[in-house]
Full PDB file with SEQRES, HELIX, SHEET, SSBOND, CRYST1, ORIGX, SCALE, CONECT and MASTER records, all heavy atoms in Angstrom:
SEQRES   1 A   33  PHE GLY VAL TRP MET MET ALA VAL GLN TYR ILE ASP TYR          
SEQRES   2 A   33  PRO ALA ASP ASN ASN LYS LEU SER TRP ASP ASP MET LEU          
SEQRES   3 A   33  ALA TRP LEU ARG ALA ARG ARG                                  
HELIX    1 AA1 GLY A    2  ASN A   17  1                                  16    
HELIX    2 AA2 TRP A   22  ARG A   30  1                                   9    
CRYST1    1.000    1.000    1.000  90.00  90.00  90.00 P 1           1          
ORIGX1      1.000000  0.000000  0.000000        0.00000                         
ORIGX2      0.000000  1.000000  0.000000        0.00000                         
ORIGX3      0.000000  0.000000  1.000000        0.00000                         
SCALE1      1.000000  0.000000  0.000000        0.00000                         
SCALE2      0.000000  1.000000  0.000000        0.00000                         
SCALE3      0.000000  0.000000  1.000000        0.00000                         
ATOM      1  N   PHE A   1     120.101  80.137 178.888  1.00  0.00           N  
ATOM      2  CA  PHE A   1     119.722  79.719 177.557  1.00  0.00           C  
ATOM      3  C   PHE A   1     118.811  80.828 176.958  1.00  0.00           C  
ATOM      4  O   PHE A   1     118.966  81.179 175.780  1.00  0.00           O  
ATOM      5  CB  PHE A   1     119.002  78.368 177.539  1.00  0.00           C  
ATOM      6  CG  PHE A   1     118.641  77.850 176.109  1.00  0.00           C  
ATOM      7  CD1 PHE A   1     119.570  77.795 175.114  1.00  0.00           C  
ATOM      8  CD2 PHE A   1     117.328  77.561 175.888  1.00  0.00           C  
ATOM      9  CE1 PHE A   1     119.239  77.411 173.848  1.00  0.00           C  
ATOM     10  CE2 PHE A   1     116.984  77.114 174.657  1.00  0.00           C  
ATOM     11  CZ  PHE A   1     117.916  77.062 173.587  1.00  0.00           C  
ATOM     12  N   GLY A   2     117.837  81.277 177.719  1.00  0.00           N  
ATOM     13  CA  GLY A   2     116.972  82.353 177.249  1.00  0.00           C  
ATOM     14  C   GLY A   2     117.724  83.626 176.878  1.00  0.00           C  
ATOM     15  O   GLY A   2     117.446  84.260 175.880  1.00  0.00           O  
ATOM     16  N   VAL A   3     118.707  83.955 177.698  1.00  0.00           N  
ATOM     17  CA  VAL A   3     119.502  85.225 177.462  1.00  0.00           C  
ATOM     18  C   VAL A   3     120.265  85.026 176.089  1.00  0.00           C  
ATOM     19  O   VAL A   3     120.223  85.970 175.276  1.00  0.00           O  
ATOM     20  CB  VAL A   3     120.489  85.416 178.648  1.00  0.00           C  
ATOM     21  CG1 VAL A   3     121.543  86.411 178.198  1.00  0.00           C  
ATOM     22  CG2 VAL A   3     119.724  85.902 179.853  1.00  0.00           C  
ATOM     23  N   TRP A   4     120.895  83.925 175.965  1.00  0.00           N  
ATOM     24  CA  TRP A   4     121.629  83.639 174.714  1.00  0.00           C  
ATOM     25  C   TRP A   4     120.708  83.638 173.491  1.00  0.00           C  
ATOM     26  O   TRP A   4     121.009  84.233 172.477  1.00  0.00           O  
ATOM     27  CB  TRP A   4     122.382  82.305 174.793  1.00  0.00           C  
ATOM     28  CG  TRP A   4     123.095  81.968 173.537  1.00  0.00           C  
ATOM     29  CD1 TRP A   4     122.743  80.870 172.706  1.00  0.00           C  
ATOM     30  CD2 TRP A   4     124.210  82.602 172.849  1.00  0.00           C  
ATOM     31  NE1 TRP A   4     123.602  80.831 171.613  1.00  0.00           N  
ATOM     32  CE2 TRP A   4     124.458  81.842 171.693  1.00  0.00           C  
ATOM     33  CE3 TRP A   4     124.954  83.688 173.200  1.00  0.00           C  
ATOM     34  CZ2 TRP A   4     125.489  82.229 170.823  1.00  0.00           C  
ATOM     35  CZ3 TRP A   4     125.938  84.103 172.350  1.00  0.00           C  
ATOM     36  CH2 TRP A   4     126.267  83.322 171.180  1.00  0.00           C  
ATOM     37  N   MET A   5     119.548  83.104 173.610  1.00  0.00           N  
ATOM     38  CA  MET A   5     118.629  82.961 172.544  1.00  0.00           C  
ATOM     39  C   MET A   5     118.000  84.335 172.198  1.00  0.00           C  
ATOM     40  O   MET A   5     117.678  84.643 170.992  1.00  0.00           O  
ATOM     41  CB  MET A   5     117.489  81.984 172.784  1.00  0.00           C  
ATOM     42  CG  MET A   5     117.814  80.546 172.608  1.00  0.00           C  
ATOM     43  SD  MET A   5     118.595  80.127 170.979  1.00  0.00           S  
ATOM     44  CE  MET A   5     117.370  80.698 169.816  1.00  0.00           C  
ATOM     45  N   MET A   6     117.935  85.227 173.134  1.00  0.00           N  
ATOM     46  CA  MET A   6     117.488  86.591 172.756  1.00  0.00           C  
ATOM     47  C   MET A   6     118.502  87.284 171.859  1.00  0.00           C  
ATOM     48  O   MET A   6     118.085  88.015 170.930  1.00  0.00           O  
ATOM     49  CB  MET A   6     117.261  87.392 174.089  1.00  0.00           C  
ATOM     50  CG  MET A   6     116.060  87.028 174.932  1.00  0.00           C  
ATOM     51  SD  MET A   6     114.492  87.135 174.039  1.00  0.00           S  
ATOM     52  CE  MET A   6     114.254  85.386 173.562  1.00  0.00           C  
ATOM     53  N   ALA A   7     119.799  87.105 172.148  1.00  0.00           N  
ATOM     54  CA  ALA A   7     120.824  87.691 171.333  1.00  0.00           C  
ATOM     55  C   ALA A   7     120.732  87.062 169.932  1.00  0.00           C  
ATOM     56  O   ALA A   7     120.780  87.723 168.864  1.00  0.00           O  
ATOM     57  CB  ALA A   7     122.171  87.461 171.927  1.00  0.00           C  
ATOM     58  N   VAL A   8     120.629  85.714 169.866  1.00  0.00           N  
ATOM     59  CA  VAL A   8     120.536  85.019 168.584  1.00  0.00           C  
ATOM     60  C   VAL A   8     119.287  85.403 167.828  1.00  0.00           C  
ATOM     61  O   VAL A   8     119.333  85.757 166.612  1.00  0.00           O  
ATOM     62  CB  VAL A   8     120.509  83.460 168.830  1.00  0.00           C  
ATOM     63  CG1 VAL A   8     120.155  82.708 167.568  1.00  0.00           C  
ATOM     64  CG2 VAL A   8     121.838  82.975 169.396  1.00  0.00           C  
ATOM     65  N   GLN A   9     118.167  85.502 168.484  1.00  0.00           N  
ATOM     66  CA  GLN A   9     116.925  85.785 167.804  1.00  0.00           C  
ATOM     67  C   GLN A   9     116.923  87.123 167.112  1.00  0.00           C  
ATOM     68  O   GLN A   9     116.535  87.259 166.012  1.00  0.00           O  
ATOM     69  CB  GLN A   9     115.736  85.752 168.848  1.00  0.00           C  
ATOM     70  CG  GLN A   9     114.375  86.106 168.277  1.00  0.00           C  
ATOM     71  CD  GLN A   9     113.882  85.068 167.347  1.00  0.00           C  
ATOM     72  OE1 GLN A   9     113.856  83.869 167.639  1.00  0.00           O  
ATOM     73  NE2 GLN A   9     113.455  85.516 166.183  1.00  0.00           N  
ATOM     74  N   TYR A  10     117.360  88.163 167.853  1.00  0.00           N  
ATOM     75  CA  TYR A  10     117.224  89.498 167.316  1.00  0.00           C  
ATOM     76  C   TYR A  10     118.438  89.941 166.395  1.00  0.00           C  
ATOM     77  O   TYR A  10     118.186  90.698 165.463  1.00  0.00           O  
ATOM     78  CB  TYR A  10     116.989  90.495 168.456  1.00  0.00           C  
ATOM     79  CG  TYR A  10     115.626  90.300 169.123  1.00  0.00           C  
ATOM     80  CD1 TYR A  10     115.460  89.653 170.300  1.00  0.00           C  
ATOM     81  CD2 TYR A  10     114.486  90.635 168.450  1.00  0.00           C  
ATOM     82  CE1 TYR A  10     114.196  89.486 170.936  1.00  0.00           C  
ATOM     83  CE2 TYR A  10     113.247  90.457 168.923  1.00  0.00           C  
ATOM     84  CZ  TYR A  10     113.134  89.885 170.201  1.00  0.00           C  
ATOM     85  OH  TYR A  10     111.865  89.684 170.735  1.00  0.00           O  
ATOM     86  N   ILE A  11     119.655  89.492 166.772  1.00  0.00           N  
ATOM     87  CA  ILE A  11     120.794  89.833 165.867  1.00  0.00           C  
ATOM     88  C   ILE A  11     120.577  89.157 164.492  1.00  0.00           C  
ATOM     89  O   ILE A  11     121.075  89.669 163.517  1.00  0.00           O  
ATOM     90  CB  ILE A  11     122.098  89.414 166.516  1.00  0.00           C  
ATOM     91  CG1 ILE A  11     122.365  90.333 167.726  1.00  0.00           C  
ATOM     92  CG2 ILE A  11     123.188  89.577 165.553  1.00  0.00           C  
ATOM     93  CD1 ILE A  11     122.577  91.820 167.410  1.00  0.00           C  
ATOM     94  N   ASP A  12     119.871  88.051 164.478  1.00  0.00           N  
ATOM     95  CA  ASP A  12     119.779  87.309 163.263  1.00  0.00           C  
ATOM     96  C   ASP A  12     119.008  88.083 162.202  1.00  0.00           C  
ATOM     97  O   ASP A  12     119.183  87.863 160.997  1.00  0.00           O  
ATOM     98  CB  ASP A  12     119.031  85.925 163.502  1.00  0.00           C  
ATOM     99  CG  ASP A  12     119.014  85.092 162.255  1.00  0.00           C  
ATOM    100  OD1 ASP A  12     120.173  84.843 161.692  1.00  0.00           O  
ATOM    101  OD2 ASP A  12     117.999  84.643 161.817  1.00  0.00           O  
ATOM    102  N   TYR A  13     118.127  88.994 162.598  1.00  0.00           N  
ATOM    103  CA  TYR A  13     117.371  89.760 161.578  1.00  0.00           C  
ATOM    104  C   TYR A  13     118.206  90.652 160.685  1.00  0.00           C  
ATOM    105  O   TYR A  13     118.231  90.503 159.497  1.00  0.00           O  
ATOM    106  CB  TYR A  13     116.307  90.614 162.255  1.00  0.00           C  
ATOM    107  CG  TYR A  13     115.157  89.789 162.886  1.00  0.00           C  
ATOM    108  CD1 TYR A  13     114.905  89.904 164.277  1.00  0.00           C  
ATOM    109  CD2 TYR A  13     114.349  88.937 162.088  1.00  0.00           C  
ATOM    110  CE1 TYR A  13     113.862  89.181 164.838  1.00  0.00           C  
ATOM    111  CE2 TYR A  13     113.368  88.174 162.724  1.00  0.00           C  
ATOM    112  CZ  TYR A  13     113.099  88.329 164.065  1.00  0.00           C  
ATOM    113  OH  TYR A  13     112.134  87.573 164.652  1.00  0.00           O  
ATOM    114  N   PRO A  14     119.099  91.482 161.296  1.00  0.00           N  
ATOM    115  CA  PRO A  14     119.973  92.229 160.406  1.00  0.00           C  
ATOM    116  C   PRO A  14     121.032  91.343 159.728  1.00  0.00           C  
ATOM    117  O   PRO A  14     121.440  91.619 158.634  1.00  0.00           O  
ATOM    118  CB  PRO A  14     120.662  93.301 161.324  1.00  0.00           C  
ATOM    119  CG  PRO A  14     120.458  92.716 162.679  1.00  0.00           C  
ATOM    120  CD  PRO A  14     119.160  91.991 162.676  1.00  0.00           C  
ATOM    121  N   ALA A  15     121.513  90.302 160.408  1.00  0.00           N  
ATOM    122  CA  ALA A  15     122.507  89.419 159.827  1.00  0.00           C  
ATOM    123  C   ALA A  15     121.897  88.738 158.624  1.00  0.00           C  
ATOM    124  O   ALA A  15     122.558  88.599 157.538  1.00  0.00           O  
ATOM    125  CB  ALA A  15     122.939  88.354 160.907  1.00  0.00           C  
ATOM    126  N   ASP A  16     120.695  88.242 158.677  1.00  0.00           N  
ATOM    127  CA  ASP A  16     120.035  87.559 157.518  1.00  0.00           C  
ATOM    128  C   ASP A  16     119.811  88.603 156.405  1.00  0.00           C  
ATOM    129  O   ASP A  16     119.953  88.282 155.224  1.00  0.00           O  
ATOM    130  CB  ASP A  16     118.727  86.968 158.027  1.00  0.00           C  
ATOM    131  CG  ASP A  16     118.009  86.150 156.944  1.00  0.00           C  
ATOM    132  OD1 ASP A  16     118.749  85.528 156.124  1.00  0.00           O  
ATOM    133  OD2 ASP A  16     116.778  86.176 156.845  1.00  0.00           O  
ATOM    134  N   ASN A  17     119.321  89.818 156.805  1.00  0.00           N  
ATOM    135  CA  ASN A  17     119.131  90.864 155.741  1.00  0.00           C  
ATOM    136  C   ASN A  17     120.427  91.111 154.976  1.00  0.00           C  
ATOM    137  O   ASN A  17     120.341  91.448 153.782  1.00  0.00           O  
ATOM    138  CB  ASN A  17     118.643  92.148 156.351  1.00  0.00           C  
ATOM    139  CG  ASN A  17     117.154  92.017 156.798  1.00  0.00           C  
ATOM    140  OD1 ASN A  17     116.458  91.169 156.334  1.00  0.00           O  
ATOM    141  ND2 ASN A  17     116.777  92.921 157.681  1.00  0.00           N  
ATOM    142  N   ASN A  18     121.589  90.921 155.621  1.00  0.00           N  
ATOM    143  CA  ASN A  18     122.845  91.196 154.988  1.00  0.00           C  
ATOM    144  C   ASN A  18     123.520  89.955 154.566  1.00  0.00           C  
ATOM    145  O   ASN A  18     124.731  89.881 154.274  1.00  0.00           O  
ATOM    146  CB  ASN A  18     123.771  91.963 155.985  1.00  0.00           C  
ATOM    147  CG  ASN A  18     123.291  93.405 156.117  1.00  0.00           C  
ATOM    148  OD1 ASN A  18     123.586  94.204 155.260  1.00  0.00           O  
ATOM    149  ND2 ASN A  18     122.585  93.747 157.199  1.00  0.00           N  
ATOM    150  N   LYS A  19     122.696  88.864 154.365  1.00  0.00           N  
ATOM    151  CA  LYS A  19     123.162  87.633 153.722  1.00  0.00           C  
ATOM    152  C   LYS A  19     124.288  86.889 154.503  1.00  0.00           C  
ATOM    153  O   LYS A  19     125.095  86.152 153.980  1.00  0.00           O  
ATOM    154  CB  LYS A  19     123.687  87.879 152.290  1.00  0.00           C  
ATOM    155  CG  LYS A  19     122.708  88.616 151.446  1.00  0.00           C  
ATOM    156  CD  LYS A  19     121.398  87.843 151.228  1.00  0.00           C  
ATOM    157  CE  LYS A  19     120.565  88.560 150.220  1.00  0.00           C  
ATOM    158  NZ  LYS A  19     120.074  89.826 150.658  1.00  0.00           N  
ATOM    159  N   LEU A  20     124.303  87.056 155.845  1.00  0.00           N  
ATOM    160  CA  LEU A  20     125.235  86.331 156.656  1.00  0.00           C  
ATOM    161  C   LEU A  20     124.690  85.002 156.942  1.00  0.00           C  
ATOM    162  O   LEU A  20     123.533  84.894 157.393  1.00  0.00           O  
ATOM    163  CB  LEU A  20     125.543  87.063 157.947  1.00  0.00           C  
ATOM    164  CG  LEU A  20     126.821  86.689 158.733  1.00  0.00           C  
ATOM    165  CD1 LEU A  20     128.105  87.044 157.928  1.00  0.00           C  
ATOM    166  CD2 LEU A  20     126.862  87.328 160.072  1.00  0.00           C  
ATOM    167  N   SER A  21     125.441  83.882 156.737  1.00  0.00           N  
ATOM    168  CA  SER A  21     124.908  82.544 156.918  1.00  0.00           C  
ATOM    169  C   SER A  21     124.700  82.326 158.437  1.00  0.00           C  
ATOM    170  O   SER A  21     125.150  83.022 159.268  1.00  0.00           O  
ATOM    171  CB  SER A  21     125.930  81.522 156.468  1.00  0.00           C  
ATOM    172  OG  SER A  21     127.048  81.471 157.292  1.00  0.00           O  
ATOM    173  N   TRP A  22     123.941  81.307 158.771  1.00  0.00           N  
ATOM    174  CA  TRP A  22     123.606  80.964 160.144  1.00  0.00           C  
ATOM    175  C   TRP A  22     124.806  80.760 160.985  1.00  0.00           C  
ATOM    176  O   TRP A  22     124.997  81.320 162.089  1.00  0.00           O  
ATOM    177  CB  TRP A  22     122.636  79.806 160.211  1.00  0.00           C  
ATOM    178  CG  TRP A  22     122.367  79.266 161.575  1.00  0.00           C  
ATOM    179  CD1 TRP A  22     122.912  78.237 162.222  1.00  0.00           C  
ATOM    180  CD2 TRP A  22     121.451  79.841 162.477  1.00  0.00           C  
ATOM    181  NE1 TRP A  22     122.385  78.093 163.510  1.00  0.00           N  
ATOM    182  CE2 TRP A  22     121.455  79.107 163.705  1.00  0.00           C  
ATOM    183  CE3 TRP A  22     120.578  80.937 162.445  1.00  0.00           C  
ATOM    184  CZ2 TRP A  22     120.719  79.391 164.796  1.00  0.00           C  
ATOM    185  CZ3 TRP A  22     119.799  81.242 163.534  1.00  0.00           C  
ATOM    186  CH2 TRP A  22     119.890  80.451 164.730  1.00  0.00           C  
ATOM    187  N   ASP A  23     125.738  79.866 160.485  1.00  0.00           N  
ATOM    188  CA  ASP A  23     126.945  79.566 161.222  1.00  0.00           C  
ATOM    189  C   ASP A  23     127.817  80.824 161.443  1.00  0.00           C  
ATOM    190  O   ASP A  23     128.391  81.061 162.468  1.00  0.00           O  
ATOM    191  CB  ASP A  23     127.721  78.453 160.525  1.00  0.00           C  
ATOM    192  CG  ASP A  23     127.021  77.147 160.638  1.00  0.00           C  
ATOM    193  OD1 ASP A  23     126.222  76.990 161.537  1.00  0.00           O  
ATOM    194  OD2 ASP A  23     127.227  76.236 159.839  1.00  0.00           O  
ATOM    195  N   ASP A  24     127.866  81.619 160.402  1.00  0.00           N  
ATOM    196  CA  ASP A  24     128.709  82.879 160.453  1.00  0.00           C  
ATOM    197  C   ASP A  24     128.061  83.869 161.483  1.00  0.00           C  
ATOM    198  O   ASP A  24     128.824  84.566 162.166  1.00  0.00           O  
ATOM    199  CB  ASP A  24     128.886  83.513 159.114  1.00  0.00           C  
ATOM    200  CG  ASP A  24     129.815  82.738 158.192  1.00  0.00           C  
ATOM    201  OD1 ASP A  24     130.576  81.940 158.743  1.00  0.00           O  
ATOM    202  OD2 ASP A  24     129.803  82.965 156.943  1.00  0.00           O  
ATOM    203  N   MET A  25     126.759  83.885 161.512  1.00  0.00           N  
ATOM    204  CA  MET A  25     126.070  84.715 162.506  1.00  0.00           C  
ATOM    205  C   MET A  25     126.398  84.310 163.892  1.00  0.00           C  
ATOM    206  O   MET A  25     126.622  85.148 164.796  1.00  0.00           O  
ATOM    207  CB  MET A  25     124.538  84.690 162.216  1.00  0.00           C  
ATOM    208  CG  MET A  25     123.772  85.694 163.089  1.00  0.00           C  
ATOM    209  SD  MET A  25     123.243  84.940 164.697  1.00  0.00           S  
ATOM    210  CE  MET A  25     122.298  83.585 164.173  1.00  0.00           C  
ATOM    211  N   LEU A  26     126.325  83.014 164.173  1.00  0.00           N  
ATOM    212  CA  LEU A  26     126.694  82.511 165.536  1.00  0.00           C  
ATOM    213  C   LEU A  26     128.116  82.833 165.830  1.00  0.00           C  
ATOM    214  O   LEU A  26     128.445  83.231 167.017  1.00  0.00           O  
ATOM    215  CB  LEU A  26     126.429  81.001 165.575  1.00  0.00           C  
ATOM    216  CG  LEU A  26     124.980  80.540 165.565  1.00  0.00           C  
ATOM    217  CD1 LEU A  26     124.960  79.041 165.596  1.00  0.00           C  
ATOM    218  CD2 LEU A  26     124.179  81.120 166.692  1.00  0.00           C  
ATOM    219  N   ALA A  27     129.045  82.676 164.902  1.00  0.00           N  
ATOM    220  CA  ALA A  27     130.445  83.004 165.133  1.00  0.00           C  
ATOM    221  C   ALA A  27     130.632  84.553 165.402  1.00  0.00           C  
ATOM    222  O   ALA A  27     131.394  84.877 166.259  1.00  0.00           O  
ATOM    223  CB  ALA A  27     131.236  82.584 163.902  1.00  0.00           C  
ATOM    224  N   TRP A  28     129.875  85.340 164.734  1.00  0.00           N  
ATOM    225  CA  TRP A  28     129.867  86.813 164.902  1.00  0.00           C  
ATOM    226  C   TRP A  28     129.426  87.144 166.342  1.00  0.00           C  
ATOM    227  O   TRP A  28     130.101  87.968 166.999  1.00  0.00           O  
ATOM    228  CB  TRP A  28     128.948  87.449 163.864  1.00  0.00           C  
ATOM    229  CG  TRP A  28     129.084  88.943 163.759  1.00  0.00           C  
ATOM    230  CD1 TRP A  28     129.832  89.613 162.949  1.00  0.00           C  
ATOM    231  CD2 TRP A  28     128.299  89.897 164.508  1.00  0.00           C  
ATOM    232  NE1 TRP A  28     129.698  91.016 163.122  1.00  0.00           N  
ATOM    233  CE2 TRP A  28     128.751  91.191 164.129  1.00  0.00           C  
ATOM    234  CE3 TRP A  28     127.305  89.851 165.532  1.00  0.00           C  
ATOM    235  CZ2 TRP A  28     128.228  92.386 164.613  1.00  0.00           C  
ATOM    236  CZ3 TRP A  28     126.803  90.976 166.054  1.00  0.00           C  
ATOM    237  CH2 TRP A  28     127.228  92.317 165.592  1.00  0.00           C  
ATOM    238  N   LEU A  29     128.419  86.467 166.794  1.00  0.00           N  
ATOM    239  CA  LEU A  29     127.874  86.720 168.180  1.00  0.00           C  
ATOM    240  C   LEU A  29     128.947  86.282 169.231  1.00  0.00           C  
ATOM    241  O   LEU A  29     129.186  86.955 170.180  1.00  0.00           O  
ATOM    242  CB  LEU A  29     126.614  86.021 168.465  1.00  0.00           C  
ATOM    243  CG  LEU A  29     125.341  86.647 167.895  1.00  0.00           C  
ATOM    244  CD1 LEU A  29     124.134  85.730 168.048  1.00  0.00           C  
ATOM    245  CD2 LEU A  29     125.083  87.976 168.541  1.00  0.00           C  
ATOM    246  N   ARG A  30     129.514  85.046 168.945  1.00  0.00           N  
ATOM    247  CA  ARG A  30     130.480  84.507 169.958  1.00  0.00           C  
ATOM    248  C   ARG A  30     131.735  85.404 170.039  1.00  0.00           C  
ATOM    249  O   ARG A  30     132.345  85.495 171.068  1.00  0.00           O  
ATOM    250  CB  ARG A  30     130.874  83.101 169.574  1.00  0.00           C  
ATOM    251  CG  ARG A  30     129.730  82.034 169.697  1.00  0.00           C  
ATOM    252  CD  ARG A  30     130.243  80.663 169.443  1.00  0.00           C  
ATOM    253  NE  ARG A  30     129.133  79.753 169.405  1.00  0.00           N  
ATOM    254  CZ  ARG A  30     128.704  79.107 168.324  1.00  0.00           C  
ATOM    255  NH1 ARG A  30     129.333  79.306 167.114  1.00  0.00           N  
ATOM    256  NH2 ARG A  30     127.692  78.267 168.351  1.00  0.00           N  
ATOM    257  N   ALA A  31     132.106  85.995 168.875  1.00  0.00           N  
ATOM    258  CA  ALA A  31     133.252  86.932 168.958  1.00  0.00           C  
ATOM    259  C   ALA A  31     132.979  88.186 169.746  1.00  0.00           C  
ATOM    260  O   ALA A  31     133.897  88.892 170.155  1.00  0.00           O  
ATOM    261  CB  ALA A  31     133.591  87.275 167.481  1.00  0.00           C  
ATOM    262  N   ARG A  32     131.709  88.453 170.035  1.00  0.00           N  
ATOM    263  CA  ARG A  32     131.264  89.593 170.853  1.00  0.00           C  
ATOM    264  C   ARG A  32     130.389  89.061 172.019  1.00  0.00           C  
ATOM    265  O   ARG A  32     129.368  89.576 172.271  1.00  0.00           O  
ATOM    266  CB  ARG A  32     130.451  90.565 169.971  1.00  0.00           C  
ATOM    267  CG  ARG A  32     131.242  91.133 168.782  1.00  0.00           C  
ATOM    268  CD  ARG A  32     130.373  91.586 167.665  1.00  0.00           C  
ATOM    269  NE  ARG A  32     131.174  92.180 166.594  1.00  0.00           N  
ATOM    270  CZ  ARG A  32     131.777  91.387 165.635  1.00  0.00           C  
ATOM    271  NH1 ARG A  32     131.637  90.112 165.621  1.00  0.00           N  
ATOM    272  NH2 ARG A  32     132.442  92.031 164.648  1.00  0.00           N  
ATOM    273  N   ARG A  33     130.961  88.087 172.684  1.00  0.00           N  
ATOM    274  CA  ARG A  33     130.216  87.366 173.622  1.00  0.00           C  
ATOM    275  C   ARG A  33     129.592  88.184 174.752  1.00  0.00           C  
ATOM    276  O   ARG A  33     128.392  88.122 175.099  1.00  0.00           O  
ATOM    277  CB  ARG A  33     131.107  86.229 174.274  1.00  0.00           C  
ATOM    278  CG  ARG A  33     130.321  85.253 175.142  1.00  0.00           C  
ATOM    279  CD  ARG A  33     131.274  84.148 175.661  1.00  0.00           C  
ATOM    280  NE  ARG A  33     131.960  83.490 174.577  1.00  0.00           N  
ATOM    281  CZ  ARG A  33     131.417  82.451 173.907  1.00  0.00           C  
ATOM    282  NH1 ARG A  33     130.251  81.997 174.241  1.00  0.00           N  
ATOM    283  NH2 ARG A  33     132.114  81.858 172.951  1.00  0.00           N  
TER     284      ARG A  33                                                      
MASTER        0    0    0    2    0    0    0    6  283    1    0    3          
END                                                                             
């Protein structure tokens, strides 16, 4: 869980800066699992 949350935590900064929604950001990460 900690490993997954590290990816979520840090990728979310550029994703949020680029107006990607939360659900779309998670989908983006899962597509690059």
